[in-house]
Every structure is written in structure tokens, then in C-alpha cells.
C-alpha atoms as a PDB file:
ATOM      1  CA  MET A   1     -28.860 -15.874  -4.223  1.00  0.00           C
ATOM      2  CA  ASP A   2     -25.942 -13.075  -3.558  1.00  0.00           C
ATOM      3  CA  LYS A   3     -23.725 -11.647  -6.171  1.00  0.00           C
ATOM      4  CA  THR A   4     -20.484 -13.725  -4.993  1.00  0.00           C
ATOM      5  CA  ARG A   5     -22.503 -16.863  -5.904  1.00  0.00           C
ATOM      6  CA  MET A   6     -24.429 -15.628  -8.950  1.00  0.00           C
ATOM      7  CA  ALA A   7     -20.829 -14.648 -10.094  1.00  0.00           C
ATOM      8  CA  ALA A   8     -19.826 -18.106  -9.361  1.00  0.00           C
ATOM      9  CA  ALA A   9     -22.828 -19.690 -11.345  1.00  0.00           C
ATOM     10  CA  ALA A  10     -22.461 -17.278 -14.098  1.00  0.00           C
ATOM     11  CA  ALA A  11     -18.606 -18.521 -14.412  1.00  0.00           C
ATOM     12  CA  LYS A  12     -19.621 -21.837 -14.511  1.00  0.00           C
ATOM     13  CA  GLY A  13     -22.014 -21.173 -17.355  1.00  0.00           C
ATOM     14  CA  ASP A  14     -25.087 -20.235 -15.952  1.00  0.00           C
ATOM     15  CA  GLU A  15     -27.041 -17.955 -17.762  1.00  0.00           C
ATOM     16  CA  THR A  16     -29.970 -16.963 -16.045  1.00  0.00           C
ATOM     17  CA  ALA A  17     -27.356 -16.274 -12.761  1.00  0.00           C
ATOM     18  CA  PHE A  18     -24.735 -14.182 -15.812  1.00  0.00           C
ATOM     19  CA  ILE A  19     -27.975 -12.008 -17.343  1.00  0.00           C
ATOM     20  CA  GLN A  20     -29.300 -10.978 -13.423  1.00  0.00           C
ATOM     21  CA  LEU A  21     -25.564  -9.925 -12.505  1.00  0.00           C
ATOM     22  CA  MET A  22     -25.585  -7.371 -16.099  1.00  0.00           C
ATOM     23  CA  ASP A  23     -28.972  -6.118 -15.164  1.00  0.00           C
ATOM     24  CA  ALA A  24     -27.942  -5.073 -11.376  1.00  0.00           C
ATOM     25  CA  GLU A  25     -24.636  -3.594 -13.065  1.00  0.00           C
ATOM     26  CA  ARG A  26     -26.511  -2.250 -16.191  1.00  0.00           C
ATOM     27  CA  GLN A  27     -26.610   1.412 -14.522  1.00  0.00           C
ATOM     28  CA  ARG A  28     -23.015   1.519 -13.243  1.00  0.00           C
ATOM     29  CA  MET A  29     -21.556   0.070 -16.783  1.00  0.00           C
ATOM     30  CA  TYR A  30     -23.800   2.970 -18.340  1.00  0.00           C
ATOM     31  CA  ARG A  31     -22.608   5.576 -16.130  1.00  0.00           C
ATOM     32  CA  ILE A  32     -19.173   4.750 -16.386  1.00  0.00           C
ATOM     33  CA  ALA A  33     -19.192   4.520 -20.487  1.00  0.00           C
ATOM     34  CA  ALA A  34     -21.073   7.884 -20.483  1.00  0.00           C
ATOM     35  CA  ALA A  35     -18.273   9.431 -18.977  1.00  0.00           C
ATOM     36  CA  TYR A  36     -15.967   8.360 -21.830  1.00  0.00           C
ATOM     37  CA  LEU A  37     -17.908   8.452 -24.511  1.00  0.00           C
ATOM     38  CA  GLN A  38     -20.685  11.087 -25.506  1.00  0.00           C
ATOM     39  CA  ARG A  39     -22.702   9.419 -28.009  1.00  0.00           C
ATOM     40  CA  GLU A  40     -25.406   7.244 -26.691  1.00  0.00           C
ATOM     41  CA  ALA A  41     -25.286   4.977 -29.481  1.00  0.00           C
ATOM     42  CA  ASP A  42     -20.857   4.717 -28.440  1.00  0.00           C
ATOM     43  CA  ILE A  43     -22.265   4.413 -25.016  1.00  0.00           C
ATOM     44  CA  VAL A  44     -24.933   1.830 -25.543  1.00  0.00           C
ATOM     45  CA  GLU A  45     -22.361  -0.557 -27.877  1.00  0.00           C
ATOM     46  CA  ALA A  46     -19.879  -0.081 -25.178  1.00  0.00           C
ATOM     47  CA  VAL A  47     -22.006  -1.581 -22.641  1.00  0.00           C
ATOM     48  CA  GLN A  48     -23.084  -4.428 -24.670  1.00  0.00           C
ATOM     49  CA  GLU A  49     -19.385  -5.158 -26.052  1.00  0.00           C
ATOM     50  CA  THR A  50     -18.379  -5.420 -22.556  1.00  0.00           C
ATOM     51  CA  VAL A  51     -21.308  -8.000 -21.639  1.00  0.00           C
ATOM     52  CA  CYS A  52     -20.377 -10.029 -24.857  1.00  0.00           C
ATOM     53  CA  ARG A  53     -16.790  -9.907 -23.730  1.00  0.00           C
ATOM     54  CA  ALA A  54     -17.471 -11.033 -20.419  1.00  0.00           C
ATOM     55  CA  TRP A  55     -19.902 -13.493 -21.365  1.00  0.00           C
ATOM     56  CA  LEU A  56     -17.098 -14.843 -23.511  1.00  0.00           C
ATOM     57  CA  LYS A  57     -14.242 -14.943 -20.822  1.00  0.00           C
ATOM     58  CA  ARG A  58     -16.634 -15.794 -17.517  1.00  0.00           C
ATOM     59  CA  ARG A  59     -14.575 -18.932 -17.166  1.00  0.00           C
ATOM     60  CA  HIS A  60     -11.163 -16.893 -16.411  1.00  0.00           C
ATOM     61  CA  LEU A  61     -12.930 -14.865 -13.466  1.00  0.00           C
ATOM     62  CA  ARG A  62     -11.120 -16.475 -10.530  1.00  0.00           C
ATOM     63  CA  LYS A  63     -12.588 -14.829  -7.779  1.00  0.00           C
ATOM     64  CA  PRO A  64     -16.452 -14.191  -8.082  1.00  0.00           C
ATOM     65  CA  GLU A  65     -15.912 -12.008  -5.008  1.00  0.00           C
ATOM     66  CA  PHE A  66     -14.339  -9.571  -7.614  1.00  0.00           C
ATOM     67  CA  MET A  67     -17.172  -9.874 -10.852  1.00  0.00           C
ATOM     68  CA  THR A  68     -17.792  -6.022 -10.488  1.00  0.00           C
ATOM     69  CA  THR A  69     -14.278  -5.188 -10.419  1.00  0.00           C
ATOM     70  CA  TRP A  70     -13.378  -7.552 -13.339  1.00  0.00           C
ATOM     71  CA  LEU A  71     -16.624  -6.127 -15.616  1.00  0.00           C
ATOM     72  CA  VAL A  72     -15.416  -2.383 -14.773  1.00  0.00           C
ATOM     73  CA  ARG A  73     -11.904  -3.352 -15.847  1.00  0.00           C
ATOM     74  CA  ILE A  74     -13.512  -4.832 -18.926  1.00  0.00           C
ATOM     75  CA  LEU A  75     -15.697  -2.221 -19.924  1.00  0.00           C
ATOM     76  CA  ILE A  76     -12.596   0.730 -19.249  1.00  0.00           C
ATOM     77  CA  ARG A  77     -10.561  -1.399 -22.008  1.00  0.00           C
ATOM     78  CA  VAL A  78     -13.888  -1.368 -24.219  1.00  0.00           C
ATOM     79  CA  CYS A  79     -14.205   2.592 -24.093  1.00  0.00           C
ATOM     80  CA  SER A  80     -10.222   3.071 -24.314  1.00  0.00           C
ATOM     81  CA  ASP A  81     -10.317   1.007 -27.800  1.00  0.00           C
ATOM     82  CA  GLU A  82     -13.345   2.753 -28.824  1.00  0.00           C
ATOM     83  CA  LEU A  83     -11.481   6.273 -27.986  1.00  0.00           C
ATOM     84  CA  ALA A  84      -8.467   5.257 -29.594  1.00  0.00           C
ATOM     85  CA  ARG A  85     -10.234   4.125 -32.989  1.00  0.00           C
ATOM     86  CA  ARG A  86     -11.624   7.683 -32.824  1.00  0.00           C
ATOM     87  CA  LYS A  87      -8.431   9.228 -32.565  1.00  0.00           C
ATOM     88  CA  ARG A  88      -7.253   7.537 -35.209  1.00  0.00           C
ATOM     89  CA  MET A  89     -10.260   7.697 -37.632  1.00  0.00           C
ATOM     90  CA  ASP A  90     -10.365  11.987 -36.582  1.00  0.00           C
ATOM     91  CA  ALA A  91      -7.192  13.410 -35.639  1.00  0.00           C
ATOM     92  CA  THR A  92      -8.273  17.027 -35.886  1.00  0.00           C
ATOM     93  CA  GLY A  93     -11.896  16.513 -34.177  1.00  0.00           C
ATOM     94  CA  SER A  94     -12.331  18.328 -30.839  1.00  0.00           C
ATOM     95  CA  ILE A  95     -13.923  16.944 -28.164  1.00  0.00           C
ATOM     96  CA  HIS A  96     -15.866  20.261 -27.496  1.00  0.00           C
ATOM     97  CA  GLU A  97     -17.149  19.902 -30.859  1.00  0.00           C
ATOM     98  CA  GLN A  98     -18.390  17.010 -30.274  1.00  0.00           C
ATOM     99  CA  LEU A  99     -20.064  18.152 -27.520  1.00  0.00           C
ATOM    100  CA  GLU A 100     -21.631  20.864 -29.336  1.00  0.00           C
ATOM    101  CA  GLN A 101     -23.182  18.500 -32.039  1.00  0.00           C
ATOM    102  CA  ASP A 102     -24.501  15.735 -29.433  1.00  0.00           C
ATOM    103  CA  GLY A 103     -25.874  18.830 -27.577  1.00  0.00           C
ATOM    104  CA  ALA A 104     -26.532  18.513 -23.380  1.00  0.00           C
ATOM    105  CA  SER A 105     -30.008  16.324 -22.832  1.00  0.00           C
ATOM    106  CA  GLY A 106     -30.517  15.360 -19.751  1.00  0.00           C
ATOM    107  CA  TRP A 107     -28.262  17.900 -18.095  1.00  0.00           C
ATOM    108  CA  PRO A 108     -29.215  20.905 -15.691  1.00  0.00           C
ATOM    109  CA  ASP A 109     -31.598  23.646 -17.282  1.00  0.00           C
ATOM    110  CA  GLU A 110     -29.568  26.624 -15.870  1.00  0.00           C
ATOM    111  CA  ALA A 111     -27.332  28.049 -18.654  1.00  0.00           C
ATOM    112  CA  SER A 112     -24.442  28.520 -16.652  1.00  0.00           C
ATOM    113  CA  GLU A 113     -24.631  25.155 -15.359  1.00  0.00           C
ATOM    114  CA  VAL A 114     -24.903  23.702 -18.099  1.00  0.00           C
ATOM    115  CA  ASP A 115     -21.574  25.356 -19.328  1.00  0.00           C
ATOM    116  CA  SER A 116     -19.707  24.445 -16.206  1.00  0.00           C
ATOM    117  CA  ARG A 117     -20.401  21.123 -16.325  1.00  0.00           C
ATOM    118  CA  LEU A 118     -19.426  20.952 -20.171  1.00  0.00           C
ATOM    119  CA  ASP A 119     -16.072  22.525 -18.785  1.00  0.00           C
ATOM    120  CA  MET A 120     -15.626  20.032 -16.286  1.00  0.00           C
ATOM    121  CA  ASP A 121     -16.840  16.970 -18.494  1.00  0.00           C
ATOM    122  CA  GLU A 122     -14.493  18.525 -21.289  1.00  0.00           C
ATOM    123  CA  ALA A 123     -11.551  18.867 -18.685  1.00  0.00           C
ATOM    124  CA  VAL A 124     -11.873  15.239 -17.362  1.00  0.00           C
ATOM    125  CA  ARG A 125     -11.780  13.713 -21.083  1.00  0.00           C
ATOM    126  CA  ARG A 126      -8.576  15.631 -21.826  1.00  0.00           C
ATOM    127  CA  LEU A 127      -7.101  13.888 -19.000  1.00  0.00           C
ATOM    128  CA  ASP A 128      -4.340  11.238 -19.849  1.00  0.00           C
ATOM    129  CA  GLN A 129      -6.028   7.831 -19.348  1.00  0.00           C
ATOM    130  CA  PRO A 130      -5.001   6.780 -15.697  1.00  0.00           C
ATOM    131  CA  TYR A 131      -5.876  10.076 -14.191  1.00  0.00           C
ATOM    132  CA  ARG A 132      -9.269   9.828 -16.342  1.00  0.00           C
ATOM    133  CA  ASP A 133      -9.932   6.557 -15.024  1.00  0.00           C
ATOM    134  CA  VAL A 134      -9.240   7.546 -11.045  1.00  0.00           C
ATOM    135  CA  ILE A 135     -11.396  10.746 -11.221  1.00  0.00           C
ATOM    136  CA  VAL A 136     -14.454   9.115 -12.920  1.00  0.00           C
ATOM    137  CA  LEU A 137     -14.245   5.879 -10.899  1.00  0.00           C
ATOM    138  CA  LYS A 138     -13.699   7.821  -7.538  1.00  0.00           C
ATOM    139  CA  TYR A 139     -16.373  11.397  -8.238  1.00  0.00           C
ATOM    140  CA  ARG A 140     -18.925   9.464 -10.476  1.00  0.00           C
ATOM    141  CA  GLU A 141     -18.571   5.866  -9.163  1.00  0.00           C
ATOM    142  CA  ASP A 142     -18.241   6.686  -5.691  1.00  0.00           C
ATOM    143  CA  MET A 143     -15.604   4.038  -5.207  1.00  0.00           C
ATOM    144  CA  THR A 144     -13.009   3.830  -2.414  1.00  0.00           C
ATOM    145  CA  LEU A 145      -9.102   4.178  -3.695  1.00  0.00           C
ATOM    146  CA  THR A 146      -8.888   0.847  -2.428  1.00  0.00           C
ATOM    147  CA  GLU A 147     -11.623  -0.578  -5.095  1.00  0.00           C
ATOM    148  CA  ILE A 148     -10.078   1.643  -7.641  1.00  0.00           C
ATOM    149  CA  ALA A 149      -6.641  -0.088  -7.258  1.00  0.00           C
ATOM    150  CA  GLY A 150      -7.730  -3.379  -7.224  1.00  0.00           C
ATOM    151  CA  ILE A 151      -9.741  -2.657 -10.762  1.00  0.00           C
ATOM    152  CA  LEU A 152      -6.765  -0.943 -12.136  1.00  0.00           C
ATOM    153  CA  GLY A 153      -3.999  -3.309 -11.048  1.00  0.00           C
ATOM    154  CA  LYS A 154      -2.249  -0.668  -9.327  1.00  0.00           C
ATOM    155  CA  PRO A 155      -1.414  -0.275  -5.488  1.00  0.00           C
ATOM    156  CA  ASP A 156      -3.351   2.218  -3.329  1.00  0.00           C
ATOM    157  CA  GLY A 157      -0.677   4.880  -3.535  1.00  0.00           C
ATOM    158  CA  THR A 158       0.146   5.065  -6.819  1.00  0.00           C
ATOM    159  CA  VAL A 159      -4.238   5.545  -7.196  1.00  0.00           C
ATOM    160  CA  LYS A 160      -3.411   8.479  -4.638  1.00  0.00           C
ATOM    161  CA  THR A 161      -0.903  10.122  -6.227  1.00  0.00           C
ATOM    162  CA  TRP A 162      -3.026  10.080  -9.750  1.00  0.00           C
ATOM    163  CA  LEU A 163      -5.890  11.296  -7.896  1.00  0.00           C
ATOM    164  CA  HIS A 164      -4.184  14.095  -6.482  1.00  0.00           C
ATOM    165  CA  LYS A 165      -2.360  14.546  -9.979  1.00  0.00           C
ATOM    166  CA  ALA A 166      -5.710  14.669 -11.698  1.00  0.00           C
ATOM    167  CA  LEU A 167      -7.226  16.923  -9.197  1.00  0.00           C
ATOM    168  CA  LYS A 168      -4.424  19.534  -9.755  1.00  0.00           C
ATOM    169  CA  MET A 169      -4.532  19.441 -13.765  1.00  0.00           C
ATOM    170  CA  LEU A 170      -8.312  19.849 -13.327  1.00  0.00           C
ATOM    171  CA  ARG A 171      -7.945  23.113 -11.037  1.00  0.00           C
ATOM    172  CA  ALA A 172      -5.817  24.586 -13.582  1.00  0.00           C
ATOM    173  CA  ALA A 173      -7.908  23.670 -16.726  1.00  0.00           C
ATOM    174  CA  LEU A 174     -11.019  24.920 -15.295  1.00  0.00           C
ATOM    175  CA  ALA A 175      -9.313  27.817 -14.389  1.00  0.00           C
ATOM    176  CA  ALA A 176      -7.890  28.685 -17.913  1.00  0.00           C
ATOM    177  CA  ALA A 177     -11.577  28.316 -19.221  1.00  0.00           C
ATOM    178  CA  GLU A 178     -12.896  30.415 -16.656  1.00  0.00           C
ATOM    179  CA  LYS A 179     -10.397  33.101 -17.639  1.00  0.00           C
ATOM    180  CA  GLY A 180     -10.796  32.495 -21.365  1.00  0.00           C
ATOM    181  CA  LYS A 181     -14.696  33.166 -20.844  1.00  0.00           C
ATOM    182  CA  GLU A 182     -14.047  36.485 -18.571  1.00  0.00           C
ATOM    183  CA  GLU A 183     -11.469  37.161 -21.790  1.00  0.00           C
ATOM    184  CA  THR A 184     -14.334  37.182 -24.485  1.00  0.00           C
ATOM    185  CA  SER A 185     -17.085  38.504 -22.316  1.00  0.00           C
ATOM    186  CA  ASN A 186     -14.774  41.181 -21.626  1.00  0.00           C
ATOM    187  CA  GLY A 187     -13.611  42.002 -25.065  1.00  0.00           C
ATOM    188  CA  SER A 188     -17.260  42.090 -26.225  1.00  0.00           C
END
């Protein structure tokens, strides 16, 4: 059975079809959640919460062919809710400190490559929500601008503008981080 038929069956209450769809989308959901949340437990919880919300709201899915789009939209809301909760609980905590506490397991072994990846991830996390969404979906999930526009419920032109602005902000943030590293190493 193809995804659209499975989604239609799941929307009508077919548990087996729903479970198969969730299994098929699990890796994508995990990657997207990991782009927002650093802690393994939070990532797993976000995916679980997304699956639960999708199950509870499955009958509201109007177009089964957009099941993935619908699911990603739910996941982004769940991750945004978690980030907002964290912000309220610890207004003074920095993302960089959390990254250091969590470590860099599963990342490249080269120290400079890890530093670059941490700088990039930190810069992405510091972007405002719509810019972060576009970067994550475009470059981590390899989605087209049209797919992203569908997920975010915005016109293609808006998504293009957000992508352009996000890339500009990332370049500036990475240049500032690199300059800070050079000043630190020259000052030692």
C-alpha cells in the first residue's frame, strides 16, 4: 500500500496503517526534532508527543497525500513548545552551555570539524523561529521551497525571503564566531 492510501486508512482509524506510516516517518521526525532539541530524551519525547497528537487528530487530516507535511507541522509545534518551556524555565541558560554539557557524540572526530559544526548548530538555534524552520527543512531534510511553504502554510515567495535572510544571518554569525576564535587564539 502506498503512503497516500495508508494515510487515508490511518485517518479513518486503521491502527496498522498508522503504525506503518509512523515507522516510515520516524527517522525524518527524529532528525527534525534533533535540529531543534539537543537532549536525546527531549528528542525522543518530541517524536512520541508528535505521534500521540497525530493519532488523536488523525481524523482531521483532510488530504492524505499531505500526511508528511501535516506530521512535520505538528512536530515543529511540539519542538517550539518545548523550546518556549525551556526559555521560561531558564531565561539565563545559554545554548552553548547546553551543547557542552550534552557533548558531541555521534559527530565528526576532527576537533576543528566538531567546532565548526557546533558553531553552525548554535547559529541555527539562535535564529528566530521562521528562519530556523526554513534552514532545518531545506538543508537538513532536503525539502523544496514549495514543500516548506506547504508545511509552514506560507507563500513560496515568503519562504524564499526567509531563506535568503536566514543565510545572511548565519554568514554574519559564523563570521563573528570565527573572528572571536582568532582573537582568543591571538591573545593567548
